Amino acid sequence: MGKTAEITPEDLDLLESRVDLLERVMGEGDGKSPAVGKQITDINSKVDKMLGKHQKTQVLLKRLNELAEYTDPSFIMRYDPANFIKRDYVLDSTTRLQDGAVAAKKIQELSKFVDSGNLKNLNELEKKMGPLTSKCLDLSDKEQEVGKEIDDLLFKWNGILDTLTDQFVAFDTILRSIEEKEEEKAKK
C-alpha cells in the first residue's frame, strides 16, 4: 500500500489564499483590467446582439441542429452511396452465384452424355441455349443501366456536399467580417 500525504495547516492557508485571489480577479478584477466575469458577460451580450440583427444568421441558428445531423458520421454512413453500391453488388453476386451453382449441377448431370459420346440431344440443347443467351444479354444491358444510375447518384451526392461546403465557407466569411468590424468599432 502507498503512503498518503498529510495536509498541513500551511498547505490549507496557501490554498485559501489562492482561492481568494481567484475570486477577486473573477469578481472585481485585479485593478489593472476589468473583471474576467464581466468581460465574459460583455462579450456574450455583444455576440447575442450581433447574431440577433442578421436574418441569415437567425435562420442558420434555427437550422443548426439539422446541419449538425447532416455532418454527423452516422448520418453519412446511413446514406453513403458506397454502402448502397456494395450492398447491391453483394445481392447481385448472390443471385449470380446461386445461378452458377444451379448451372454447375446441370453441367455435371449432362456431362455423362458428353463423356459417353452420346450427343443425340444436341438440337434440343441448342434450342435451350438461345433463350439463355438472350437472357444474359438482357442482364448485361440492365447492368449498364444500373451503373449509369449509380453514377448519377454519385454526381448528385457530390453536388450536395459541394453546396454545403460553399455555404459553410460563405457563413464563415460573413461572420469573420462582422467580427472584424466589431473589433474595429471596439478599438475606436
Protein backbone atom coordinates (compact mmCIF):
# COMPACT_ATOMS: atom_id res chain seq x y z
CA MET A 1 0.00 0.00 0.00
CA GLY A 2 1.21 3.54 -0.72
CA LYS A 3 1.68 6.35 1.77
CA THR A 4 -0.91 9.11 1.97
CA ALA A 5 0.35 12.67 2.18
CA GLU A 6 -0.64 14.72 5.20
CA ILE A 7 -2.10 18.14 4.64
CA THR A 8 -0.51 20.75 6.86
CA PRO A 9 -2.10 24.00 8.03
CA GLU A 10 0.36 25.87 5.80
CA ASP A 11 -0.95 23.97 2.77
CA LEU A 12 -4.51 24.94 3.70
CA ASP A 13 -3.52 28.60 4.15
CA LEU A 14 -1.78 28.61 0.76
CA LEU A 15 -4.82 27.03 -0.90
CA GLU A 16 -7.17 29.52 0.77
CA SER A 17 -5.07 32.50 -0.32
CA ARG A 18 -5.06 31.25 -3.94
CA VAL A 19 -8.87 30.80 -3.91
CA ASP A 20 -9.26 34.36 -2.51
CA LEU A 21 -7.05 35.74 -5.27
CA LEU A 22 -9.05 33.89 -7.93
CA GLU A 23 -12.33 35.20 -6.51
CA ARG A 24 -11.02 38.78 -6.55
CA VAL A 25 -9.81 38.51 -10.15
CA MET A 26 -13.05 36.91 -11.34
CA GLY A 27 -15.36 39.24 -9.43
CA GLU A 28 -13.61 42.60 -9.15
CA GLY A 29 -10.60 42.42 -11.40
CA ASP A 30 -7.03 43.00 -10.38
CA GLY A 31 -7.24 46.79 -10.55
CA LYS A 32 -5.37 46.96 -13.87
CA SER A 33 -8.03 45.32 -16.05
CA PRO A 34 -11.78 44.69 -15.67
CA ALA A 35 -13.04 41.52 -14.00
CA VAL A 36 -12.93 38.36 -16.11
CA GLY A 37 -16.57 37.52 -15.32
CA LYS A 38 -17.66 40.97 -16.51
CA GLN A 39 -15.62 40.62 -19.70
CA ILE A 40 -17.25 37.28 -20.46
CA THR A 41 -20.77 38.63 -19.95
CA ASP A 42 -19.98 41.69 -22.10
CA ILE A 43 -18.68 39.51 -24.93
CA ASN A 44 -21.69 37.20 -24.65
CA SER A 45 -24.15 40.12 -24.88
CA LYS A 46 -22.28 41.58 -27.87
CA VAL A 47 -22.41 38.24 -29.68
CA ASP A 48 -26.14 37.91 -28.91
CA LYS A 49 -26.82 41.41 -30.25
CA MET A 50 -24.70 40.78 -33.33
CA LEU A 51 -26.45 37.50 -34.14
CA GLY A 52 -29.91 38.93 -33.50
CA LYS A 53 -29.54 41.65 -36.16
CA HIS A 54 -28.93 39.41 -39.14
CA GLN A 55 -31.74 37.30 -40.56
CA LYS A 56 -29.46 34.84 -42.33
CA THR A 57 -27.69 34.15 -39.06
CA GLN A 58 -31.01 33.63 -37.26
CA VAL A 59 -32.11 31.14 -39.92
CA LEU A 60 -28.76 29.37 -39.63
CA LEU A 61 -29.07 29.14 -35.84
CA LYS A 62 -32.58 27.71 -36.15
CA ARG A 63 -31.33 25.04 -38.57
CA LEU A 64 -28.07 24.37 -36.73
CA ASN A 65 -29.33 21.06 -35.33
CA GLU A 66 -30.34 19.94 -38.82
CA LEU A 67 -26.95 20.91 -40.22
CA ALA A 68 -25.22 19.10 -37.37
CA GLU A 69 -27.26 15.99 -38.22
CA TYR A 70 -26.10 16.15 -41.86
CA THR A 71 -22.44 16.32 -40.83
CA ASP A 72 -22.81 13.54 -38.25
CA PRO A 73 -20.77 10.49 -39.35
CA SER A 74 -23.64 8.14 -38.52
CA PHE A 75 -25.91 10.06 -40.93
CA ILE A 76 -23.31 9.84 -43.66
CA MET A 77 -22.86 6.10 -43.07
CA ARG A 78 -26.63 5.53 -43.26
CA TYR A 79 -26.92 7.34 -46.58
CA ASP A 80 -23.50 6.65 -48.02
CA PRO A 81 -23.84 5.71 -51.69
CA ALA A 82 -20.80 3.45 -51.41
CA ASN A 83 -22.70 1.27 -48.91
CA PHE A 84 -25.70 1.09 -51.24
CA ILE A 85 -23.43 0.10 -54.11
CA LYS A 86 -21.69 -2.56 -52.03
CA ARG A 87 -24.99 -3.95 -50.80
CA ASP A 88 -26.46 -4.11 -54.30
CA TYR A 89 -23.29 -5.72 -55.64
CA VAL A 90 -23.37 -8.36 -52.92
CA LEU A 91 -27.05 -9.05 -53.54
CA ASP A 92 -26.49 -9.27 -57.29
CA SER A 93 -23.47 -11.51 -56.75
CA THR A 94 -25.52 -13.81 -54.53
CA THR A 95 -28.06 -14.47 -57.25
CA ARG A 96 -25.28 -14.91 -59.81
CA LEU A 97 -23.52 -17.39 -57.57
CA GLN A 98 -26.73 -19.31 -56.97
CA ASP A 99 -27.44 -19.37 -60.70
CA GLY A 100 -23.87 -20.55 -61.29
CA ALA A 101 -24.29 -23.36 -58.76
CA VAL A 102 -27.51 -24.49 -60.46
CA ALA A 103 -25.78 -24.36 -63.85
CA ALA A 104 -22.81 -26.37 -62.50
CA LYS A 105 -25.20 -29.07 -61.27
CA LYS A 106 -26.84 -29.21 -64.67
CA ILE A 107 -23.44 -29.46 -66.35
CA GLN A 108 -22.46 -32.27 -64.03
CA GLU A 109 -25.71 -34.08 -64.78
CA LEU A 110 -25.30 -33.57 -68.52
CA SER A 111 -21.61 -34.41 -68.58
CA LYS A 112 -22.43 -38.13 -68.69
CA PHE A 113 -23.98 -37.59 -72.12
CA VAL A 114 -20.90 -35.80 -73.44
CA ASP A 115 -18.49 -38.29 -71.87
CA SER A 116 -20.25 -41.24 -73.35
CA GLY A 117 -20.10 -39.67 -76.80
CA ASN A 118 -23.87 -39.63 -76.91
CA LEU A 119 -24.71 -36.27 -78.48
CA LYS A 120 -28.12 -37.16 -79.84
CA ASN A 121 -29.82 -34.32 -77.96
CA LEU A 122 -27.64 -31.58 -79.46
CA ASN A 123 -30.54 -29.88 -81.27
CA GLU A 124 -32.58 -29.68 -78.05
CA LEU A 125 -29.64 -28.16 -76.21
CA GLU A 126 -29.24 -25.56 -78.94
CA LYS A 127 -32.88 -24.57 -78.52
CA LYS A 128 -32.35 -24.13 -74.76
CA MET A 129 -29.18 -22.07 -75.27
CA GLY A 130 -30.95 -19.44 -77.37
CA PRO A 131 -33.19 -18.13 -74.54
CA LEU A 132 -30.31 -18.34 -72.06
CA THR A 133 -28.10 -16.27 -74.32
CA SER A 134 -30.76 -13.61 -74.79
CA LYS A 135 -31.36 -13.53 -71.03
CA CYS A 136 -27.62 -12.97 -70.45
CA LEU A 137 -27.65 -10.09 -72.94
CA ASP A 138 -30.68 -8.55 -71.22
CA LEU A 139 -28.97 -8.80 -67.84
CA SER A 140 -25.87 -7.15 -69.28
CA ASP A 141 -28.00 -4.24 -70.57
CA LYS A 142 -29.68 -3.86 -67.18
CA GLU A 143 -26.28 -3.89 -65.50
CA GLN A 144 -25.19 -0.95 -67.67
CA GLU A 145 -28.37 0.97 -66.80
CA VAL A 146 -27.80 0.39 -63.08
CA GLY A 147 -24.21 1.57 -63.48
CA LYS A 148 -25.42 4.80 -65.09
CA GLU A 149 -27.95 5.34 -62.29
CA ILE A 150 -25.22 4.82 -59.69
CA ASP A 151 -23.01 7.36 -61.47
CA ASP A 152 -25.91 9.86 -61.48
CA LEU A 153 -26.49 9.32 -57.75
CA LEU A 154 -22.79 9.82 -57.01
CA PHE A 155 -22.78 13.02 -59.08
CA LYS A 156 -25.80 14.36 -57.16
CA TRP A 157 -24.23 13.35 -53.83
CA ASN A 158 -21.03 15.23 -54.67
CA GLY A 159 -23.11 18.25 -55.70
CA ILE A 160 -24.88 18.29 -52.34
CA LEU A 161 -21.57 18.10 -50.49
CA ASP A 162 -20.12 20.91 -52.64
CA THR A 163 -23.16 23.09 -51.92
CA LEU A 164 -22.90 22.51 -48.18
CA THR A 165 -19.18 23.29 -48.26
CA ASP A 166 -19.78 26.53 -50.17
CA GLN A 167 -22.50 27.55 -47.67
CA PHE A 168 -20.23 26.95 -44.69
CA VAL A 169 -17.41 28.93 -46.30
CA ALA A 170 -19.81 31.80 -47.05
CA PHE A 171 -21.15 31.82 -43.49
CA ASP A 172 -17.61 31.78 -42.12
CA THR A 173 -16.63 34.73 -44.33
CA ILE A 174 -19.68 36.72 -43.23
CA LEU A 175 -19.08 36.03 -39.55
CA ARG A 176 -15.38 36.91 -39.82
CA SER A 177 -16.14 40.23 -41.49
CA ILE A 178 -18.70 41.05 -38.80
CA GLU A 179 -16.22 40.16 -36.08
CA GLU A 180 -13.56 42.35 -37.69
CA LYS A 181 -15.97 45.29 -37.90
CA GLU A 182 -16.92 44.82 -34.26
CA GLU A 183 -13.24 44.71 -33.27
CA GLU A 184 -12.60 47.95 -35.21
CA LYS A 185 -15.55 49.62 -33.50
CA ALA A 186 -14.32 48.43 -30.13
CA LYS A 187 -10.85 49.89 -30.80
CA LYS A 188 -12.30 53.34 -31.66
